[in-house]
Amino acid sequence: MSKVGINGFGRIGRLVLRRLLEVKSNIEVVNKNWPPS
């Protein structure tokens, strides 16, 4: 399983996450900026 880090969930982050969920890829999404400080 590969890990992909998304730096924030703005417009592009949400689009990337949505696409990864649609194709049911073998990728784990990691958000290291959560929770916001």
PDB file of N, CA and C in Angstrom:
ATOM      1  N   MET A   1       0.844  -1.174   0.000  1.00  0.00           N
ATOM      2  CA  MET A   1       0.000   0.000   0.000  1.00  0.00           C
ATOM      3  C   MET A   1       0.889   1.235   0.000  1.00  0.00           C
ATOM      4  N   SER A   2       0.604   2.159  -0.875  1.00  0.00           N
ATOM      5  CA  SER A   2       1.338   3.419  -0.953  1.00  0.00           C
ATOM      6  C   SER A   2       0.626   4.481  -0.139  1.00  0.00           C
ATOM      7  N   LYS A   3       1.401   5.430   0.380  1.00  0.00           N
ATOM      8  CA  LYS A   3       0.825   6.537   1.139  1.00  0.00           C
ATOM      9  C   LYS A   3       1.004   7.826   0.352  1.00  0.00           C
ATOM     10  N   VAL A   4      -0.051   8.636   0.325  1.00  0.00           N
ATOM     11  CA  VAL A   4      -0.013   9.933  -0.335  1.00  0.00           C
ATOM     12  C   VAL A   4      -0.361  10.980   0.697  1.00  0.00           C
ATOM     13  N   GLY A   5       0.478  12.007   0.820  1.00  0.00           N
ATOM     14  CA  GLY A   5       0.211  13.094   1.751  1.00  0.00           C
ATOM     15  C   GLY A   5      -0.454  14.250   1.030  1.00  0.00           C
ATOM     16  N   ILE A   6      -1.549  14.738   1.583  1.00  0.00           N
ATOM     17  CA  ILE A   6      -2.231  15.899   1.022  1.00  0.00           C
ATOM     18  C   ILE A   6      -2.026  17.047   1.990  1.00  0.00           C
ATOM     19  N   ASN A   7      -1.447  18.122   1.486  1.00  0.00           N
ATOM     20  CA  ASN A   7      -1.150  19.287   2.312  1.00  0.00           C
ATOM     21  C   ASN A   7      -2.351  20.234   2.273  1.00  0.00           C
ATOM     22  N   GLY A   8      -3.326  19.938   3.114  1.00  0.00           N
ATOM     23  CA  GLY A   8      -4.523  20.770   3.174  1.00  0.00           C
ATOM     24  C   GLY A   8      -5.637  20.211   2.318  1.00  0.00           C
ATOM     25  N   PHE A   9      -6.843  20.568   2.655  1.00  0.00           N
ATOM     26  CA  PHE A   9      -7.997  20.092   1.908  1.00  0.00           C
ATOM     27  C   PHE A   9      -8.733  21.262   1.280  1.00  0.00           C
ATOM     28  N   GLY A  10      -7.994  22.045   0.526  1.00  0.00           N
ATOM     29  CA  GLY A  10      -8.591  23.109  -0.273  1.00  0.00           C
ATOM     30  C   GLY A  10      -9.235  22.499  -1.503  1.00  0.00           C
ATOM     31  N   ARG A  11      -9.394  23.297  -2.526  1.00  0.00           N
ATOM     32  CA  ARG A  11     -10.065  22.834  -3.745  1.00  0.00           C
ATOM     33  C   ARG A  11      -9.333  21.654  -4.369  1.00  0.00           C
ATOM     34  N   ILE A  12      -8.040  21.750  -4.532  1.00  0.00           N
ATOM     35  CA  ILE A  12      -7.286  20.682  -5.193  1.00  0.00           C
ATOM     36  C   ILE A  12      -7.161  19.456  -4.299  1.00  0.00           C
ATOM     37  N   GLY A  13      -6.952  19.657  -3.010  1.00  0.00           N
ATOM     38  CA  GLY A  13      -6.872  18.529  -2.087  1.00  0.00           C
ATOM     39  C   GLY A  13      -8.146  17.704  -2.072  1.00  0.00           C
ATOM     40  N   ARG A  14      -9.281  18.391  -2.082  1.00  0.00           N
ATOM     41  CA  ARG A  14     -10.561  17.670  -2.111  1.00  0.00           C
ATOM     42  C   ARG A  14     -10.750  16.930  -3.420  1.00  0.00           C
ATOM     43  N   LEU A  15     -10.331  17.536  -4.542  1.00  0.00           N
ATOM     44  CA  LEU A  15     -10.454  16.865  -5.839  1.00  0.00           C
ATOM     45  C   LEU A  15      -9.590  15.604  -5.895  1.00  0.00           C
ATOM     46  N   VAL A  16      -8.377  15.697  -5.378  1.00  0.00           N
ATOM     47  CA  VAL A  16      -7.480  14.532  -5.369  1.00  0.00           C
ATOM     48  C   VAL A  16      -8.060  13.429  -4.500  1.00  0.00           C
ATOM     49  N   LEU A  17      -8.526  13.788  -3.306  1.00  0.00           N
ATOM     50  CA  LEU A  17      -9.107  12.788  -2.407  1.00  0.00           C
ATOM     51  C   LEU A  17     -10.325  12.129  -3.041  1.00  0.00           C
ATOM     52  N   ARG A  18     -11.193  12.925  -3.639  1.00  0.00           N
ATOM     53  CA  ARG A  18     -12.400  12.381  -4.277  1.00  0.00           C
ATOM     54  C   ARG A  18     -12.029  11.395  -5.378  1.00  0.00           C
ATOM     55  N   ARG A  19     -11.028  11.736  -6.188  1.00  0.00           N
ATOM     56  CA  ARG A  19     -10.616  10.858  -7.283  1.00  0.00           C
ATOM     57  C   ARG A  19     -10.016   9.551  -6.755  1.00  0.00           C
ATOM     58  N   LEU A  20      -9.205   9.648  -5.701  1.00  0.00           N
ATOM     59  CA  LEU A  20      -8.621   8.436  -5.118  1.00  0.00           C
ATOM     60  C   LEU A  20      -9.702   7.519  -4.561  1.00  0.00           C
ATOM     61  N   LEU A  21     -10.746   8.100  -3.977  1.00  0.00           N
ATOM     62  CA  LEU A  21     -11.833   7.282  -3.442  1.00  0.00           C
ATOM     63  C   LEU A  21     -12.679   6.671  -4.555  1.00  0.00           C
ATOM     64  N   GLU A  22     -12.837   7.392  -5.672  1.00  0.00           N
ATOM     65  CA  GLU A  22     -13.646   6.883  -6.785  1.00  0.00           C
ATOM     66  C   GLU A  22     -13.011   5.670  -7.442  1.00  0.00           C
ATOM     67  N   VAL A  23     -11.704   5.688  -7.628  1.00  0.00           N
ATOM     68  CA  VAL A  23     -11.051   4.591  -8.342  1.00  0.00           C
ATOM     69  C   VAL A  23     -10.704   3.426  -7.421  1.00  0.00           C
ATOM     70  N   LYS A  24     -10.953   3.591  -6.112  1.00  0.00           N
ATOM     71  CA  LYS A  24     -10.689   2.540  -5.123  1.00  0.00           C
ATOM     72  C   LYS A  24      -9.273   1.999  -5.268  1.00  0.00           C
ATOM     73  N   SER A  25      -8.344   2.935  -5.336  1.00  0.00           N
ATOM     74  CA  SER A  25      -6.947   2.552  -5.497  1.00  0.00           C
ATOM     75  C   SER A  25      -6.379   2.008  -4.190  1.00  0.00           C
ATOM     76  N   ASN A  26      -5.228   1.414  -4.287  1.00  0.00           N
ATOM     77  CA  ASN A  26      -4.550   0.840  -3.128  1.00  0.00           C
ATOM     78  C   ASN A  26      -3.624   1.893  -2.521  1.00  0.00           C
ATOM     79  N   ILE A  27      -4.190   3.069  -2.220  1.00  0.00           N
ATOM     80  CA  ILE A  27      -3.419   4.200  -1.712  1.00  0.00           C
ATOM     81  C   ILE A  27      -4.037   4.683  -0.415  1.00  0.00           C
ATOM     82  N   GLU A  28      -3.182   4.898   0.584  1.00  0.00           N
ATOM     83  CA  GLU A  28      -3.637   5.449   1.861  1.00  0.00           C
ATOM     84  C   GLU A  28      -3.357   6.947   1.851  1.00  0.00           C
ATOM     85  N   VAL A  29      -4.369   7.744   2.167  1.00  0.00           N
ATOM     86  CA  VAL A  29      -4.223   9.196   2.186  1.00  0.00           C
ATOM     87  C   VAL A  29      -3.873   9.634   3.601  1.00  0.00           C
ATOM     88  N   VAL A  30      -2.827  10.461   3.708  1.00  0.00           N
ATOM     89  CA  VAL A  30      -2.349  10.935   5.003  1.00  0.00           C
ATOM     90  C   VAL A  30      -2.375  12.458   4.997  1.00  0.00           C
ATOM     91  N   ASN A  31      -2.957  13.044   6.055  1.00  0.00           N
ATOM     92  CA  ASN A  31      -2.963  14.495   6.205  1.00  0.00           C
ATOM     93  C   ASN A  31      -2.189  14.833   7.466  1.00  0.00           C
ATOM     94  N   LYS A  32      -0.976  15.309   7.311  1.00  0.00           N
ATOM     95  CA  LYS A  32      -0.137  15.593   8.472  1.00  0.00           C
ATOM     96  C   LYS A  32      -0.447  16.939   9.092  1.00  0.00           C
ATOM     97  N   ASN A  33      -1.328  17.715   8.507  1.00  0.00           N
ATOM     98  CA  ASN A  33      -1.672  19.028   9.040  1.00  0.00           C
ATOM     99  C   ASN A  33      -2.932  18.986   9.886  1.00  0.00           C
ATOM    100  N   TRP A  34      -3.376  17.824  10.292  1.00  0.00           N
ATOM    101  CA  TRP A  34      -4.607  17.726  11.066  1.00  0.00           C
ATOM    102  C   TRP A  34      -4.289  17.267  12.460  1.00  0.00           C
ATOM    103  N   PRO A  35      -4.801  17.768  13.512  1.00  0.00           N
ATOM    104  CA  PRO A  35      -5.738  18.886  13.561  1.00  0.00           C
ATOM    105  C   PRO A  35      -5.010  20.212  13.368  1.00  0.00           C
ATOM    106  N   PRO A  36      -5.730  21.218  12.889  1.00  0.00           N
ATOM    107  CA  PRO A  36      -5.081  22.519  12.662  1.00  0.00           C
ATOM    108  C   PRO A  36      -4.607  23.124  13.974  1.00  0.00           C
ATOM    109  N   SER A  37      -3.489  23.787  13.925  1.00  0.00           N
ATOM    110  CA  SER A  37      -2.934  24.361  15.156  1.00  0.00           C
ATOM    111  C   SER A  37      -3.312  25.813  15.328  1.00  0.00           C
TER     112      SER A  37
END
